[in-house]
Amino acid sequence: MPKLKTNKAAKKRYSYTATGKVKRTKCNKRHLLANKTSRAKSRGKVQDGYADKTCEAGIKKMLPYGN
């Protein structure tokens, strides 16, 4: 059986935790921060969230070796 290719876009966006959950980076923390409220900025302060359970199977297909 041939090796599976990792989706490079998914590799940059997602990673796995030790228990196998899919970890992702929260949005709205990259640019235009001067225009955002302090509340909106603090909501994104915790950089890592978990991917939705409905999307998890698709993400795991894109990352077959757990990058």
PDB file of N, CA and C in Angstrom:
ATOM      1  N   MET A   1       0.841  -1.182   0.000  1.00  0.00           N
ATOM      2  CA  MET A   1       0.000   0.000   0.000  1.00  0.00           C
ATOM      3  C   MET A   1       0.890   1.251   0.000  1.00  0.00           C
ATOM      4  N   PRO A   2       0.619   2.207  -0.893  1.00  0.00           N
ATOM      5  CA  PRO A   2       1.472   3.399  -0.954  1.00  0.00           C
ATOM      6  C   PRO A   2       1.246   4.320   0.235  1.00  0.00           C
ATOM      7  N   LYS A   3       2.212   5.181   0.443  1.00  0.00           N
ATOM      8  CA  LYS A   3       2.088   6.168   1.511  1.00  0.00           C
ATOM      9  C   LYS A   3       1.014   7.179   1.141  1.00  0.00           C
ATOM     10  N   LEU A   4       0.358   7.745   2.144  1.00  0.00           N
ATOM     11  CA  LEU A   4      -0.643   8.782   1.920  1.00  0.00           C
ATOM     12  C   LEU A   4       0.016  10.151   2.039  1.00  0.00           C
ATOM     13  N   LYS A   5      -0.437  11.092   1.221  1.00  0.00           N
ATOM     14  CA  LYS A   5       0.107  12.445   1.293  1.00  0.00           C
ATOM     15  C   LYS A   5      -0.639  13.253   2.343  1.00  0.00           C
ATOM     16  N   THR A   6       0.107  14.032   3.094  1.00  0.00           N
ATOM     17  CA  THR A   6      -0.469  14.943   4.069  1.00  0.00           C
ATOM     18  C   THR A   6      -0.908  16.207   3.352  1.00  0.00           C
ATOM     19  N   ASN A   7      -2.071  16.714   3.686  1.00  0.00           N
ATOM     20  CA  ASN A   7      -2.536  17.981   3.140  1.00  0.00           C
ATOM     21  C   ASN A   7      -1.766  19.105   3.831  1.00  0.00           C
ATOM     22  N   LYS A   8      -1.001  19.874   3.064  1.00  0.00           N
ATOM     23  CA  LYS A   8      -0.097  20.868   3.635  1.00  0.00           C
ATOM     24  C   LYS A   8      -0.848  22.024   4.293  1.00  0.00           C
ATOM     25  N   ALA A   9      -1.997  22.396   3.750  1.00  0.00           N
ATOM     26  CA  ALA A   9      -2.786  23.476   4.351  1.00  0.00           C
ATOM     27  C   ALA A   9      -3.307  23.048   5.719  1.00  0.00           C
ATOM     28  N   ALA A  10      -3.745  21.802   5.836  1.00  0.00           N
ATOM     29  CA  ALA A  10      -4.234  21.292   7.118  1.00  0.00           C
ATOM     30  C   ALA A  10      -3.093  21.147   8.114  1.00  0.00           C
ATOM     31  N   LYS A  11      -1.924  20.804   7.628  1.00  0.00           N
ATOM     32  CA  LYS A  11      -0.758  20.649   8.498  1.00  0.00           C
ATOM     33  C   LYS A  11      -0.408  21.963   9.196  1.00  0.00           C
ATOM     34  N   LYS A  12      -0.601  23.083   8.480  1.00  0.00           N
ATOM     35  CA  LYS A  12      -0.297  24.396   9.050  1.00  0.00           C
ATOM     36  C   LYS A  12      -1.372  24.861  10.031  1.00  0.00           C
ATOM     37  N   ARG A  13      -2.580  24.339   9.909  1.00  0.00           N
ATOM     38  CA  ARG A  13      -3.698  24.822  10.713  1.00  0.00           C
ATOM     39  C   ARG A  13      -4.047  23.957  11.916  1.00  0.00           C
ATOM     40  N   TYR A  14      -3.775  22.672  11.835  1.00  0.00           N
ATOM     41  CA  TYR A  14      -4.225  21.747  12.873  1.00  0.00           C
ATOM     42  C   TYR A  14      -3.070  20.905  13.391  1.00  0.00           C
ATOM     43  N   SER A  15      -3.241  20.435  14.621  1.00  0.00           N
ATOM     44  CA  SER A  15      -2.317  19.453  15.183  1.00  0.00           C
ATOM     45  C   SER A  15      -3.109  18.586  16.152  1.00  0.00           C
ATOM     46  N   TYR A  16      -2.485  17.522  16.600  1.00  0.00           N
ATOM     47  CA  TYR A  16      -3.158  16.602  17.511  1.00  0.00           C
ATOM     48  C   TYR A  16      -2.667  16.815  18.937  1.00  0.00           C
ATOM     49  N   THR A  17      -3.551  16.598  19.897  1.00  0.00           N
ATOM     50  CA  THR A  17      -3.148  16.561  21.295  1.00  0.00           C
ATOM     51  C   THR A  17      -2.688  15.144  21.616  1.00  0.00           C
ATOM     52  N   ALA A  18      -2.200  14.947  22.819  1.00  0.00           N
ATOM     53  CA  ALA A  18      -1.725  13.626  23.222  1.00  0.00           C
ATOM     54  C   ALA A  18      -2.866  12.613  23.298  1.00  0.00           C
ATOM     55  N   THR A  19      -4.087  13.102  23.554  1.00  0.00           N
ATOM     56  CA  THR A  19      -5.232  12.197  23.655  1.00  0.00           C
ATOM     57  C   THR A  19      -5.911  11.957  22.316  1.00  0.00           C
ATOM     58  N   GLY A  20      -5.438  12.639  21.243  1.00  0.00           N
ATOM     59  CA  GLY A  20      -5.985  12.408  19.916  1.00  0.00           C
ATOM     60  C   GLY A  20      -6.999  13.428  19.457  1.00  0.00           C
ATOM     61  N   LYS A  21      -7.255  14.467  20.258  1.00  0.00           N
ATOM     62  CA  LYS A  21      -8.161  15.534  19.820  1.00  0.00           C
ATOM     63  C   LYS A  21      -7.447  16.388  18.778  1.00  0.00           C
ATOM     64  N   VAL A  22      -8.237  17.076  17.944  1.00  0.00           N
ATOM     65  CA  VAL A  22      -7.658  17.951  16.927  1.00  0.00           C
ATOM     66  C   VAL A  22      -7.637  19.368  17.481  1.00  0.00           C
ATOM     67  N   LYS A  23      -6.441  19.948  17.537  1.00  0.00           N
ATOM     68  CA  LYS A  23      -6.244  21.280  18.084  1.00  0.00           C
ATOM     69  C   LYS A  23      -6.154  22.280  16.936  1.00  0.00           C
ATOM     70  N   ARG A  24      -6.705  23.470  17.133  1.00  0.00           N
ATOM     71  CA  ARG A  24      -6.636  24.498  16.104  1.00  0.00           C
ATOM     72  C   ARG A  24      -6.342  25.836  16.752  1.00  0.00           C
ATOM     73  N   THR A  25      -5.906  26.807  15.946  1.00  0.00           N
ATOM     74  CA  THR A  25      -5.656  28.153  16.431  1.00  0.00           C
ATOM     75  C   THR A  25      -6.913  28.986  16.259  1.00  0.00           C
ATOM     76  N   LYS A  26      -7.237  29.788  17.256  1.00  0.00           N
ATOM     77  CA  LYS A  26      -8.420  30.642  17.175  1.00  0.00           C
ATOM     78  C   LYS A  26      -8.183  31.776  16.178  1.00  0.00           C
ATOM     79  N   CYS A  27      -9.275  32.328  15.671  1.00  0.00           N
ATOM     80  CA  CYS A  27      -9.183  33.347  14.631  1.00  0.00           C
ATOM     81  C   CYS A  27      -9.147  34.760  15.228  1.00  0.00           C
ATOM     82  N   ASN A  28      -8.963  35.748  14.369  1.00  0.00           N
ATOM     83  CA  ASN A  28      -9.031  37.181  14.693  1.00  0.00           C
ATOM     84  C   ASN A  28      -7.908  37.663  15.596  1.00  0.00           C
ATOM     85  N   LYS A  29      -6.725  37.088  15.479  1.00  0.00           N
ATOM     86  CA  LYS A  29      -5.597  37.547  16.286  1.00  0.00           C
ATOM     87  C   LYS A  29      -4.384  37.933  15.450  1.00  0.00           C
ATOM     88  N   ARG A  30      -4.539  38.123  14.139  1.00  0.00           N
ATOM     89  CA  ARG A  30      -3.375  38.324  13.280  1.00  0.00           C
ATOM     90  C   ARG A  30      -3.135  39.777  12.893  1.00  0.00           C
ATOM     91  N   HIS A  31      -4.161  40.469  12.463  1.00  0.00           N
ATOM     92  CA  HIS A  31      -3.951  41.827  11.961  1.00  0.00           C
ATOM     93  C   HIS A  31      -5.181  42.668  12.257  1.00  0.00           C
ATOM     94  N   LEU A  32      -5.067  43.974  12.030  1.00  0.00           N
ATOM     95  CA  LEU A  32      -6.129  44.957  12.305  1.00  0.00           C
ATOM     96  C   LEU A  32      -6.543  44.937  13.778  1.00  0.00           C
ATOM     97  N   LEU A  33      -5.579  44.767  14.669  1.00  0.00           N
ATOM     98  CA  LEU A  33      -5.885  44.676  16.091  1.00  0.00           C
ATOM     99  C   LEU A  33      -6.235  46.028  16.699  1.00  0.00           C
ATOM    100  N   ALA A  34      -5.814  47.116  16.057  1.00  0.00           N
ATOM    101  CA  ALA A  34      -6.126  48.453  16.586  1.00  0.00           C
ATOM    102  C   ALA A  34      -7.623  48.747  16.501  1.00  0.00           C
ATOM    103  N   ASN A  35      -8.291  48.154  15.540  1.00  0.00           N
ATOM    104  CA  ASN A  35      -9.723  48.414  15.352  1.00  0.00           C
ATOM    105  C   ASN A  35     -10.610  47.496  16.173  1.00  0.00           C
ATOM    106  N   LYS A  36     -10.048  46.468  16.778  1.00  0.00           N
ATOM    107  CA  LYS A  36     -10.854  45.500  17.518  1.00  0.00           C
ATOM    108  C   LYS A  36     -10.968  45.914  18.978  1.00  0.00           C
ATOM    109  N   THR A  37     -12.080  45.566  19.582  1.00  0.00           N
ATOM    110  CA  THR A  37     -12.282  45.893  20.983  1.00  0.00           C
ATOM    111  C   THR A  37     -11.379  45.018  21.854  1.00  0.00           C
ATOM    112  N   SER A  38     -11.129  45.475  23.069  1.00  0.00           N
ATOM    113  CA  SER A  38     -10.282  44.696  23.967  1.00  0.00           C
ATOM    114  C   SER A  38     -10.943  43.372  24.313  1.00  0.00           C
ATOM    115  N   ARG A  39     -12.280  43.388  24.327  1.00  0.00           N
ATOM    116  CA  ARG A  39     -13.003  42.140  24.601  1.00  0.00           C
ATOM    117  C   ARG A  39     -12.776  41.121  23.486  1.00  0.00           C
ATOM    118  N   ALA A  40     -12.834  41.585  22.241  1.00  0.00           N
ATOM    119  CA  ALA A  40     -12.619  40.684  21.106  1.00  0.00           C
ATOM    120  C   ALA A  40     -11.197  40.148  21.101  1.00  0.00           C
ATOM    121  N   LYS A  41     -10.238  41.006  21.492  1.00  0.00           N
ATOM    122  CA  LYS A  41      -8.849  40.560  21.518  1.00  0.00           C
ATOM    123  C   LYS A  41      -8.597  39.574  22.653  1.00  0.00           C
ATOM    124  N   SER A  42      -9.224  39.785  23.791  1.00  0.00           N
ATOM    125  CA  SER A  42      -9.001  38.880  24.918  1.00  0.00           C
ATOM    126  C   SER A  42      -9.674  37.533  24.702  1.00  0.00           C
ATOM    127  N   ARG A  43     -10.745  37.514  23.916  1.00  0.00           N
ATOM    128  CA  ARG A  43     -11.401  36.242  23.602  1.00  0.00           C
ATOM    129  C   ARG A  43     -10.474  35.337  22.798  1.00  0.00           C
ATOM    130  N   GLY A  44      -9.598  35.927  22.026  1.00  0.00           N
ATOM    131  CA  GLY A  44      -8.675  35.136  21.233  1.00  0.00           C
ATOM    132  C   GLY A  44      -7.335  34.928  21.912  1.00  0.00           C
ATOM    133  N   LYS A  45      -7.219  35.399  23.159  1.00  0.00           N
ATOM    134  CA  LYS A  45      -5.939  35.321  23.849  1.00  0.00           C
ATOM    135  C   LYS A  45      -5.487  33.880  24.050  1.00  0.00           C
ATOM    136  N   VAL A  46      -6.412  33.023  24.411  1.00  0.00           N
ATOM    137  CA  VAL A  46      -6.083  31.604  24.497  1.00  0.00           C
ATOM    138  C   VAL A  46      -5.994  31.113  23.058  1.00  0.00           C
ATOM    139  N   GLN A  47      -4.790  30.851  22.609  1.00  0.00           N
ATOM    140  CA  GLN A  47      -4.574  30.609  21.185  1.00  0.00           C
ATOM    141  C   GLN A  47      -5.178  29.302  20.694  1.00  0.00           C
ATOM    142  N   ASP A  48      -5.274  28.315  21.559  1.00  0.00           N
ATOM    143  CA  ASP A  48      -5.689  27.019  21.064  1.00  0.00           C
ATOM    144  C   ASP A  48      -7.120  26.680  21.452  1.00  0.00           C
ATOM    145  N   GLY A  49      -7.852  26.196  20.482  1.00  0.00           N
ATOM    146  CA  GLY A  49      -9.175  25.656  20.719  1.00  0.00           C
ATOM    147  C   GLY A  49      -9.195  24.269  20.108  1.00  0.00           C
ATOM    148  N   TYR A  50     -10.314  23.617  20.182  1.00  0.00           N
ATOM    149  CA  TYR A  50     -10.430  22.284  19.605  1.00  0.00           C
ATOM    150  C   TYR A  50     -11.353  22.329  18.403  1.00  0.00           C
ATOM    151  N   ALA A  51     -11.054  21.523  17.415  1.00  0.00           N
ATOM    152  CA  ALA A  51     -11.878  21.464  16.215  1.00  0.00           C
ATOM    153  C   ALA A  51     -13.228  20.840  16.563  1.00  0.00           C
ATOM    154  N   ASP A  52     -14.241  21.220  15.816  1.00  0.00           N
ATOM    155  CA  ASP A  52     -15.586  20.709  16.019  1.00  0.00           C
ATOM    156  C   ASP A  52     -15.620  19.212  15.718  1.00  0.00           C
ATOM    157  N   LYS A  53     -16.435  18.489  16.456  1.00  0.00           N
ATOM    158  CA  LYS A  53     -16.518  17.029  16.270  1.00  0.00           C
ATOM    159  C   LYS A  53     -16.984  16.657  14.864  1.00  0.00           C
ATOM    160  N   THR A  54     -17.825  17.508  14.252  1.00  0.00           N
ATOM    161  CA  THR A  54     -18.323  17.199  12.909  1.00  0.00           C
ATOM    162  C   THR A  54     -17.223  17.318  11.860  1.00  0.00           C
ATOM    163  N   CYS A  55     -16.214  18.138  12.119  1.00  0.00           N
ATOM    164  CA  CYS A  55     -15.116  18.337  11.166  1.00  0.00           C
ATOM    165  C   CYS A  55     -13.941  17.412  11.424  1.00  0.00           C
ATOM    166  N   GLU A  56     -13.920  16.788  12.584  1.00  0.00           N
ATOM    167  CA  GLU A  56     -12.746  16.039  13.012  1.00  0.00           C
ATOM    168  C   GLU A  56     -12.390  14.884  12.076  1.00  0.00           C
ATOM    169  N   ALA A  57     -13.371  14.190  11.564  1.00  0.00           N
ATOM    170  CA  ALA A  57     -13.091  13.048  10.686  1.00  0.00           C
ATOM    171  C   ALA A  57     -12.421  13.502   9.391  1.00  0.00           C
ATOM    172  N   GLY A  58     -12.866  14.615   8.835  1.00  0.00           N
ATOM    173  CA  GLY A  58     -12.262  15.144   7.612  1.00  0.00           C
ATOM    174  C   GLY A  58     -10.844  15.602   7.832  1.00  0.00           C
ATOM    175  N   ILE A  59     -10.594  16.210   8.990  1.00  0.00           N
ATOM    176  CA  ILE A  59      -9.249  16.677   9.312  1.00  0.00           C
ATOM    177  C   ILE A  59      -8.301  15.496   9.492  1.00  0.00           C
ATOM    178  N   LYS A  60      -8.788  14.450  10.120  1.00  0.00           N
ATOM    179  CA  LYS A  60      -7.948  13.270  10.329  1.00  0.00           C
ATOM    180  C   LYS A  60      -7.616  12.567   9.015  1.00  0.00           C
ATOM    181  N   LYS A  61      -8.487  12.690   8.011  1.00  0.00           N
ATOM    182  CA  LYS A  61      -8.157  12.163   6.691  1.00  0.00           C
ATOM    183  C   LYS A  61      -7.052  12.968   6.037  1.00  0.00           C
ATOM    184  N   MET A  62      -7.069  14.284   6.266  1.00  0.00           N
ATOM    185  CA  MET A  62      -6.040  15.158   5.675  1.00  0.00           C
ATOM    186  C   MET A  62      -4.702  15.017   6.378  1.00  0.00           C
ATOM    187  N   LEU A  63      -4.724  14.590   7.648  1.00  0.00           N
ATOM    188  CA  LEU A  63      -3.499  14.392   8.412  1.00  0.00           C
ATOM    189  C   LEU A  63      -3.388  12.925   8.814  1.00  0.00           C
ATOM    190  N   PRO A  64      -3.061  12.047   7.876  1.00  0.00           N
ATOM    191  CA  PRO A  64      -3.105  10.613   8.161  1.00  0.00           C
ATOM    192  C   PRO A  64      -2.059  10.141   9.161  1.00  0.00           C
ATOM    193  N   TYR A  65      -0.964  10.880   9.306  1.00  0.00           N
ATOM    194  CA  TYR A  65       0.110  10.433  10.197  1.00  0.00           C
ATOM    195  C   TYR A  65       0.230  11.296  11.438  1.00  0.00           C
ATOM    196  N   GLY A  66      -0.765  12.097  11.704  1.00  0.00           N
ATOM    197  CA  GLY A  66      -0.797  12.873  12.936  1.00  0.00           C
ATOM    198  C   GLY A  66       0.234  13.972  13.029  1.00  0.00           C
ATOM    199  N   ASN A  67       0.322  14.793  11.997  1.00  0.00           N
ATOM    200  CA  ASN A  67       1.323  15.854  12.007  1.00  0.00           C
ATOM    201  C   ASN A  67       0.995  16.874  13.033  1.00  0.00           C
TER     202      ASN A  67
END
